[in-house]
Amino acid sequence: MDQPQTKRVSLIELFYDLVFVYMISRATSLIHYLHHGLISPNTFIIFALVIIVFINSWMIQMVFTNRYGESSWTNVTFTFVDMAIVLYMSNVFLATFNQDLRTFFFAAGLLSLTLCLQYLIVYFRSTSFDRQISQAFL
């Protein structure tokens, strides 16, 4: 039986995880301020939507990193671009979050585009088995 290949966690991956920890702390500020002791349904829906978008993006990025991640300039560049987008998205919403979510969803779309580009690069550079896996994410 083959031993599973182990891979060391890079500092860039750990820093990327810290950016998401920062995002979670910022997102919880949405439900931190209560109105008459209650969280309004609208605020809770926005909070849930923000958390779902971030967790989904984080999971897709971690699957990519664990499967295809290497210390190439391409991966490092995409990681730093993704971190900048996540930091921007984390600071878009405040406790006084207005109902205009366009900038948040534009940044989320940009983050999804960078993740898609990463999988496209793998698709065109990889063998047939890796192509099948990366095609599932496209």
C-alpha atoms as a PDB file:
ATOM      1  CA  MET A   1       0.000   0.000   0.000  1.00  0.00           C
ATOM      2  CA  ASP A   2       1.323   3.427  -0.921  1.00  0.00           C
ATOM      3  CA  GLN A   3       1.957   5.950   1.784  1.00  0.00           C
ATOM      4  CA  PRO A   4       0.064   9.213   1.329  1.00  0.00           C
ATOM      5  CA  GLN A   5       2.278  12.037   0.257  1.00  0.00           C
ATOM      6  CA  THR A   6       2.755  14.568   3.014  1.00  0.00           C
ATOM      7  CA  LYS A   7       3.337  18.198   2.312  1.00  0.00           C
ATOM      8  CA  ARG A   8       4.630  20.876   4.635  1.00  0.00           C
ATOM      9  CA  VAL A   9       2.444  23.867   5.281  1.00  0.00           C
ATOM     10  CA  SER A  10       4.052  27.021   3.957  1.00  0.00           C
ATOM     11  CA  LEU A  11       4.054  30.334   5.762  1.00  0.00           C
ATOM     12  CA  ILE A  12       2.019  31.845   2.943  1.00  0.00           C
ATOM     13  CA  GLU A  13      -0.754  29.291   3.549  1.00  0.00           C
ATOM     14  CA  LEU A  14      -0.724  30.061   7.264  1.00  0.00           C
ATOM     15  CA  PHE A  15      -0.895  33.788   6.576  1.00  0.00           C
ATOM     16  CA  TYR A  16      -3.783  33.171   4.166  1.00  0.00           C
ATOM     17  CA  ASP A  17      -5.593  31.338   6.979  1.00  0.00           C
ATOM     18  CA  LEU A  18      -4.960  34.284   9.306  1.00  0.00           C
ATOM     19  CA  VAL A  19      -6.577  36.609   6.787  1.00  0.00           C
ATOM     20  CA  PHE A  20      -9.683  34.432   6.939  1.00  0.00           C
ATOM     21  CA  VAL A  21      -9.612  34.490  10.744  1.00  0.00           C
ATOM     22  CA  TYR A  22      -9.573  38.282  10.488  1.00  0.00           C
ATOM     23  CA  MET A  23     -12.528  38.099   8.100  1.00  0.00           C
ATOM     24  CA  ILE A  24     -14.535  35.954  10.537  1.00  0.00           C
ATOM     25  CA  SER A  25     -13.846  38.424  13.334  1.00  0.00           C
ATOM     26  CA  ARG A  26     -14.997  41.289  11.105  1.00  0.00           C
ATOM     27  CA  ALA A  27     -18.102  39.392  10.027  1.00  0.00           C
ATOM     28  CA  THR A  28     -19.131  38.747  13.621  1.00  0.00           C
ATOM     29  CA  SER A  29     -19.209  42.510  14.129  1.00  0.00           C
ATOM     30  CA  LEU A  30     -22.341  42.466  11.969  1.00  0.00           C
ATOM     31  CA  ILE A  31     -24.259  40.614  14.676  1.00  0.00           C
ATOM     32  CA  HIS A  32     -22.431  42.138  17.626  1.00  0.00           C
ATOM     33  CA  TYR A  33     -24.701  45.155  17.933  1.00  0.00           C
ATOM     34  CA  LEU A  34     -28.195  44.245  19.048  1.00  0.00           C
ATOM     35  CA  HIS A  35     -31.301  46.347  18.494  1.00  0.00           C
ATOM     36  CA  HIS A  36     -33.503  46.086  21.612  1.00  0.00           C
ATOM     37  CA  GLY A  37     -31.716  42.857  22.533  1.00  0.00           C
ATOM     38  CA  LEU A  38     -32.415  41.167  19.199  1.00  0.00           C
ATOM     39  CA  ILE A  39     -30.631  40.644  15.925  1.00  0.00           C
ATOM     40  CA  SER A  40     -32.789  41.805  13.058  1.00  0.00           C
ATOM     41  CA  PRO A  41     -33.589  39.113  10.467  1.00  0.00           C
ATOM     42  CA  ASN A  42     -32.091  41.284   7.727  1.00  0.00           C
ATOM     43  CA  THR A  43     -28.793  41.611   9.593  1.00  0.00           C
ATOM     44  CA  PHE A  44     -28.681  37.880  10.301  1.00  0.00           C
ATOM     45  CA  ILE A  45     -29.325  37.053   6.626  1.00  0.00           C
ATOM     46  CA  ILE A  46     -26.512  39.396   5.557  1.00  0.00           C
ATOM     47  CA  PHE A  47     -24.224  37.829   8.177  1.00  0.00           C
ATOM     48  CA  ALA A  48     -25.060  34.301   6.991  1.00  0.00           C
ATOM     49  CA  LEU A  49     -24.533  35.294   3.362  1.00  0.00           C
ATOM     50  CA  VAL A  50     -21.148  36.867   4.113  1.00  0.00           C
ATOM     51  CA  ILE A  51     -19.991  33.817   6.090  1.00  0.00           C
ATOM     52  CA  ILE A  52     -21.156  31.388   3.379  1.00  0.00           C
ATOM     53  CA  VAL A  53     -19.325  33.336   0.658  1.00  0.00           C
ATOM     54  CA  PHE A  54     -16.102  33.468   2.677  1.00  0.00           C
ATOM     55  CA  ILE A  55     -16.143  29.866   3.882  1.00  0.00           C
ATOM     56  CA  ASN A  56     -16.892  28.615   0.371  1.00  0.00           C
ATOM     57  CA  SER A  57     -14.018  30.636  -1.097  1.00  0.00           C
ATOM     58  CA  TRP A  58     -11.675  29.457   1.632  1.00  0.00           C
ATOM     59  CA  MET A  59     -12.586  25.792   1.114  1.00  0.00           C
ATOM     60  CA  ILE A  60     -12.106  25.972  -2.658  1.00  0.00           C
ATOM     61  CA  GLN A  61      -8.735  27.673  -2.194  1.00  0.00           C
ATOM     62  CA  MET A  62      -7.606  25.107   0.389  1.00  0.00           C
ATOM     63  CA  VAL A  63      -8.592  22.199  -1.865  1.00  0.00           C
ATOM     64  CA  PHE A  64      -6.541  23.803  -4.624  1.00  0.00           C
ATOM     65  CA  THR A  65      -3.577  24.444  -2.330  1.00  0.00           C
ATOM     66  CA  ASN A  66      -3.600  20.949  -0.859  1.00  0.00           C
ATOM     67  CA  ARG A  67      -3.949  19.273  -4.231  1.00  0.00           C
ATOM     68  CA  TYR A  68      -1.857  21.451  -6.566  1.00  0.00           C
ATOM     69  CA  GLY A  69      -0.078  23.957  -4.336  1.00  0.00           C
ATOM     70  CA  GLU A  70       3.612  24.502  -4.820  1.00  0.00           C
ATOM     71  CA  SER A  71       5.987  27.353  -4.162  1.00  0.00           C
ATOM     72  CA  SER A  72       5.808  28.736  -7.678  1.00  0.00           C
ATOM     73  CA  TRP A  73       5.590  32.426  -8.473  1.00  0.00           C
ATOM     74  CA  THR A  74       2.169  31.854  -9.998  1.00  0.00           C
ATOM     75  CA  ASN A  75       0.710  30.318  -6.840  1.00  0.00           C
ATOM     76  CA  VAL A  76       2.328  32.884  -4.563  1.00  0.00           C
ATOM     77  CA  THR A  77       1.039  35.749  -6.718  1.00  0.00           C
ATOM     78  CA  PHE A  78      -2.492  34.349  -6.769  1.00  0.00           C
ATOM     79  CA  THR A  79      -2.363  33.822  -3.001  1.00  0.00           C
ATOM     80  CA  PHE A  80      -1.358  37.436  -2.356  1.00  0.00           C
ATOM     81  CA  VAL A  81      -4.000  38.741  -4.779  1.00  0.00           C
ATOM     82  CA  ASP A  82      -6.623  36.582  -3.052  1.00  0.00           C
ATOM     83  CA  MET A  83      -5.495  37.835   0.361  1.00  0.00           C
ATOM     84  CA  ALA A  84      -5.829  41.443  -0.806  1.00  0.00           C
ATOM     85  CA  ILE A  85      -9.336  40.763  -2.112  1.00  0.00           C
ATOM     86  CA  VAL A  86     -10.360  39.044   1.136  1.00  0.00           C
ATOM     87  CA  LEU A  87      -8.972  41.928   3.186  1.00  0.00           C
ATOM     88  CA  TYR A  88     -10.901  44.386   1.036  1.00  0.00           C
ATOM     89  CA  MET A  89     -14.073  42.321   1.400  1.00  0.00           C
ATOM     90  CA  SER A  90     -13.540  42.101   5.166  1.00  0.00           C
ATOM     91  CA  ASN A  91     -13.462  45.864   5.446  1.00  0.00           C
ATOM     92  CA  VAL A  92     -16.422  46.544   3.156  1.00  0.00           C
ATOM     93  CA  PHE A  93     -18.979  45.720   5.788  1.00  0.00           C
ATOM     94  CA  LEU A  94     -19.165  47.449   9.166  1.00  0.00           C
ATOM     95  CA  ALA A  95     -21.528  47.367  12.096  1.00  0.00           C
ATOM     96  CA  THR A  96     -23.486  50.070  10.279  1.00  0.00           C
ATOM     97  CA  PHE A  97     -23.556  47.959   7.122  1.00  0.00           C
ATOM     98  CA  ASN A  98     -25.753  49.543   4.510  1.00  0.00           C
ATOM     99  CA  GLN A  99     -27.993  47.500   2.285  1.00  0.00           C
ATOM    100  CA  ASP A 100     -25.876  48.061  -0.811  1.00  0.00           C
ATOM    101  CA  LEU A 101     -23.986  44.802  -1.292  1.00  0.00           C
ATOM    102  CA  ARG A 102     -22.726  45.514  -4.816  1.00  0.00           C
ATOM    103  CA  THR A 103     -19.115  46.194  -3.842  1.00  0.00           C
ATOM    104  CA  PHE A 104     -19.035  43.087  -1.672  1.00  0.00           C
ATOM    105  CA  PHE A 105     -20.408  40.869  -4.434  1.00  0.00           C
ATOM    106  CA  PHE A 106     -18.125  42.453  -7.027  1.00  0.00           C
ATOM    107  CA  ALA A 107     -15.124  41.586  -4.844  1.00  0.00           C
ATOM    108  CA  ALA A 108     -16.529  38.084  -4.241  1.00  0.00           C
ATOM    109  CA  GLY A 109     -16.871  37.638  -7.993  1.00  0.00           C
ATOM    110  CA  LEU A 110     -13.289  38.803  -8.460  1.00  0.00           C
ATOM    111  CA  LEU A 111     -12.143  36.287  -5.833  1.00  0.00           C
ATOM    112  CA  SER A 112     -14.052  33.527  -7.626  1.00  0.00           C
ATOM    113  CA  LEU A 113     -12.452  34.594 -10.902  1.00  0.00           C
ATOM    114  CA  THR A 114      -8.945  34.278  -9.459  1.00  0.00           C
ATOM    115  CA  LEU A 115      -9.791  30.825  -8.093  1.00  0.00           C
ATOM    116  CA  CYS A 116     -11.157  29.835 -11.499  1.00  0.00           C
ATOM    117  CA  LEU A 117      -7.994  31.102 -13.198  1.00  0.00           C
ATOM    118  CA  GLN A 118      -5.887  28.968 -10.874  1.00  0.00           C
ATOM    119  CA  TYR A 119      -7.840  25.857 -11.823  1.00  0.00           C
ATOM    120  CA  LEU A 120      -7.641  26.780 -15.517  1.00  0.00           C
ATOM    121  CA  ILE A 121      -3.864  27.042 -15.299  1.00  0.00           C
ATOM    122  CA  VAL A 122      -3.733  23.592 -13.685  1.00  0.00           C
ATOM    123  CA  TYR A 123      -6.107  22.240 -16.306  1.00  0.00           C
ATOM    124  CA  PHE A 124      -3.831  23.281 -19.175  1.00  0.00           C
ATOM    125  CA  ARG A 125      -0.565  22.281 -17.462  1.00  0.00           C
ATOM    126  CA  SER A 126      -1.530  18.932 -15.933  1.00  0.00           C
ATOM    127  CA  THR A 127      -1.910  15.289 -16.812  1.00  0.00           C
ATOM    128  CA  SER A 128      -5.237  13.720 -17.633  1.00  0.00           C
ATOM    129  CA  PHE A 129      -6.095  12.724 -14.030  1.00  0.00           C
ATOM    130  CA  ASP A 130      -5.406  16.210 -12.671  1.00  0.00           C
ATOM    131  CA  ARG A 131      -7.348  17.680 -15.580  1.00  0.00           C
ATOM    132  CA  GLN A 132     -10.419  15.697 -14.573  1.00  0.00           C
ATOM    133  CA  ILE A 133     -10.174  16.924 -10.995  1.00  0.00           C
ATOM    134  CA  SER A 134      -9.606  20.564 -11.946  1.00  0.00           C
ATOM    135  CA  GLN A 135     -12.428  20.390 -14.488  1.00  0.00           C
ATOM    136  CA  ALA A 136     -14.830  19.529 -11.661  1.00  0.00           C
ATOM    137  CA  PHE A 137     -14.113  22.929 -10.092  1.00  0.00           C
ATOM    138  CA  LEU A 138     -14.549  24.878 -13.323  1.00  0.00           C
END
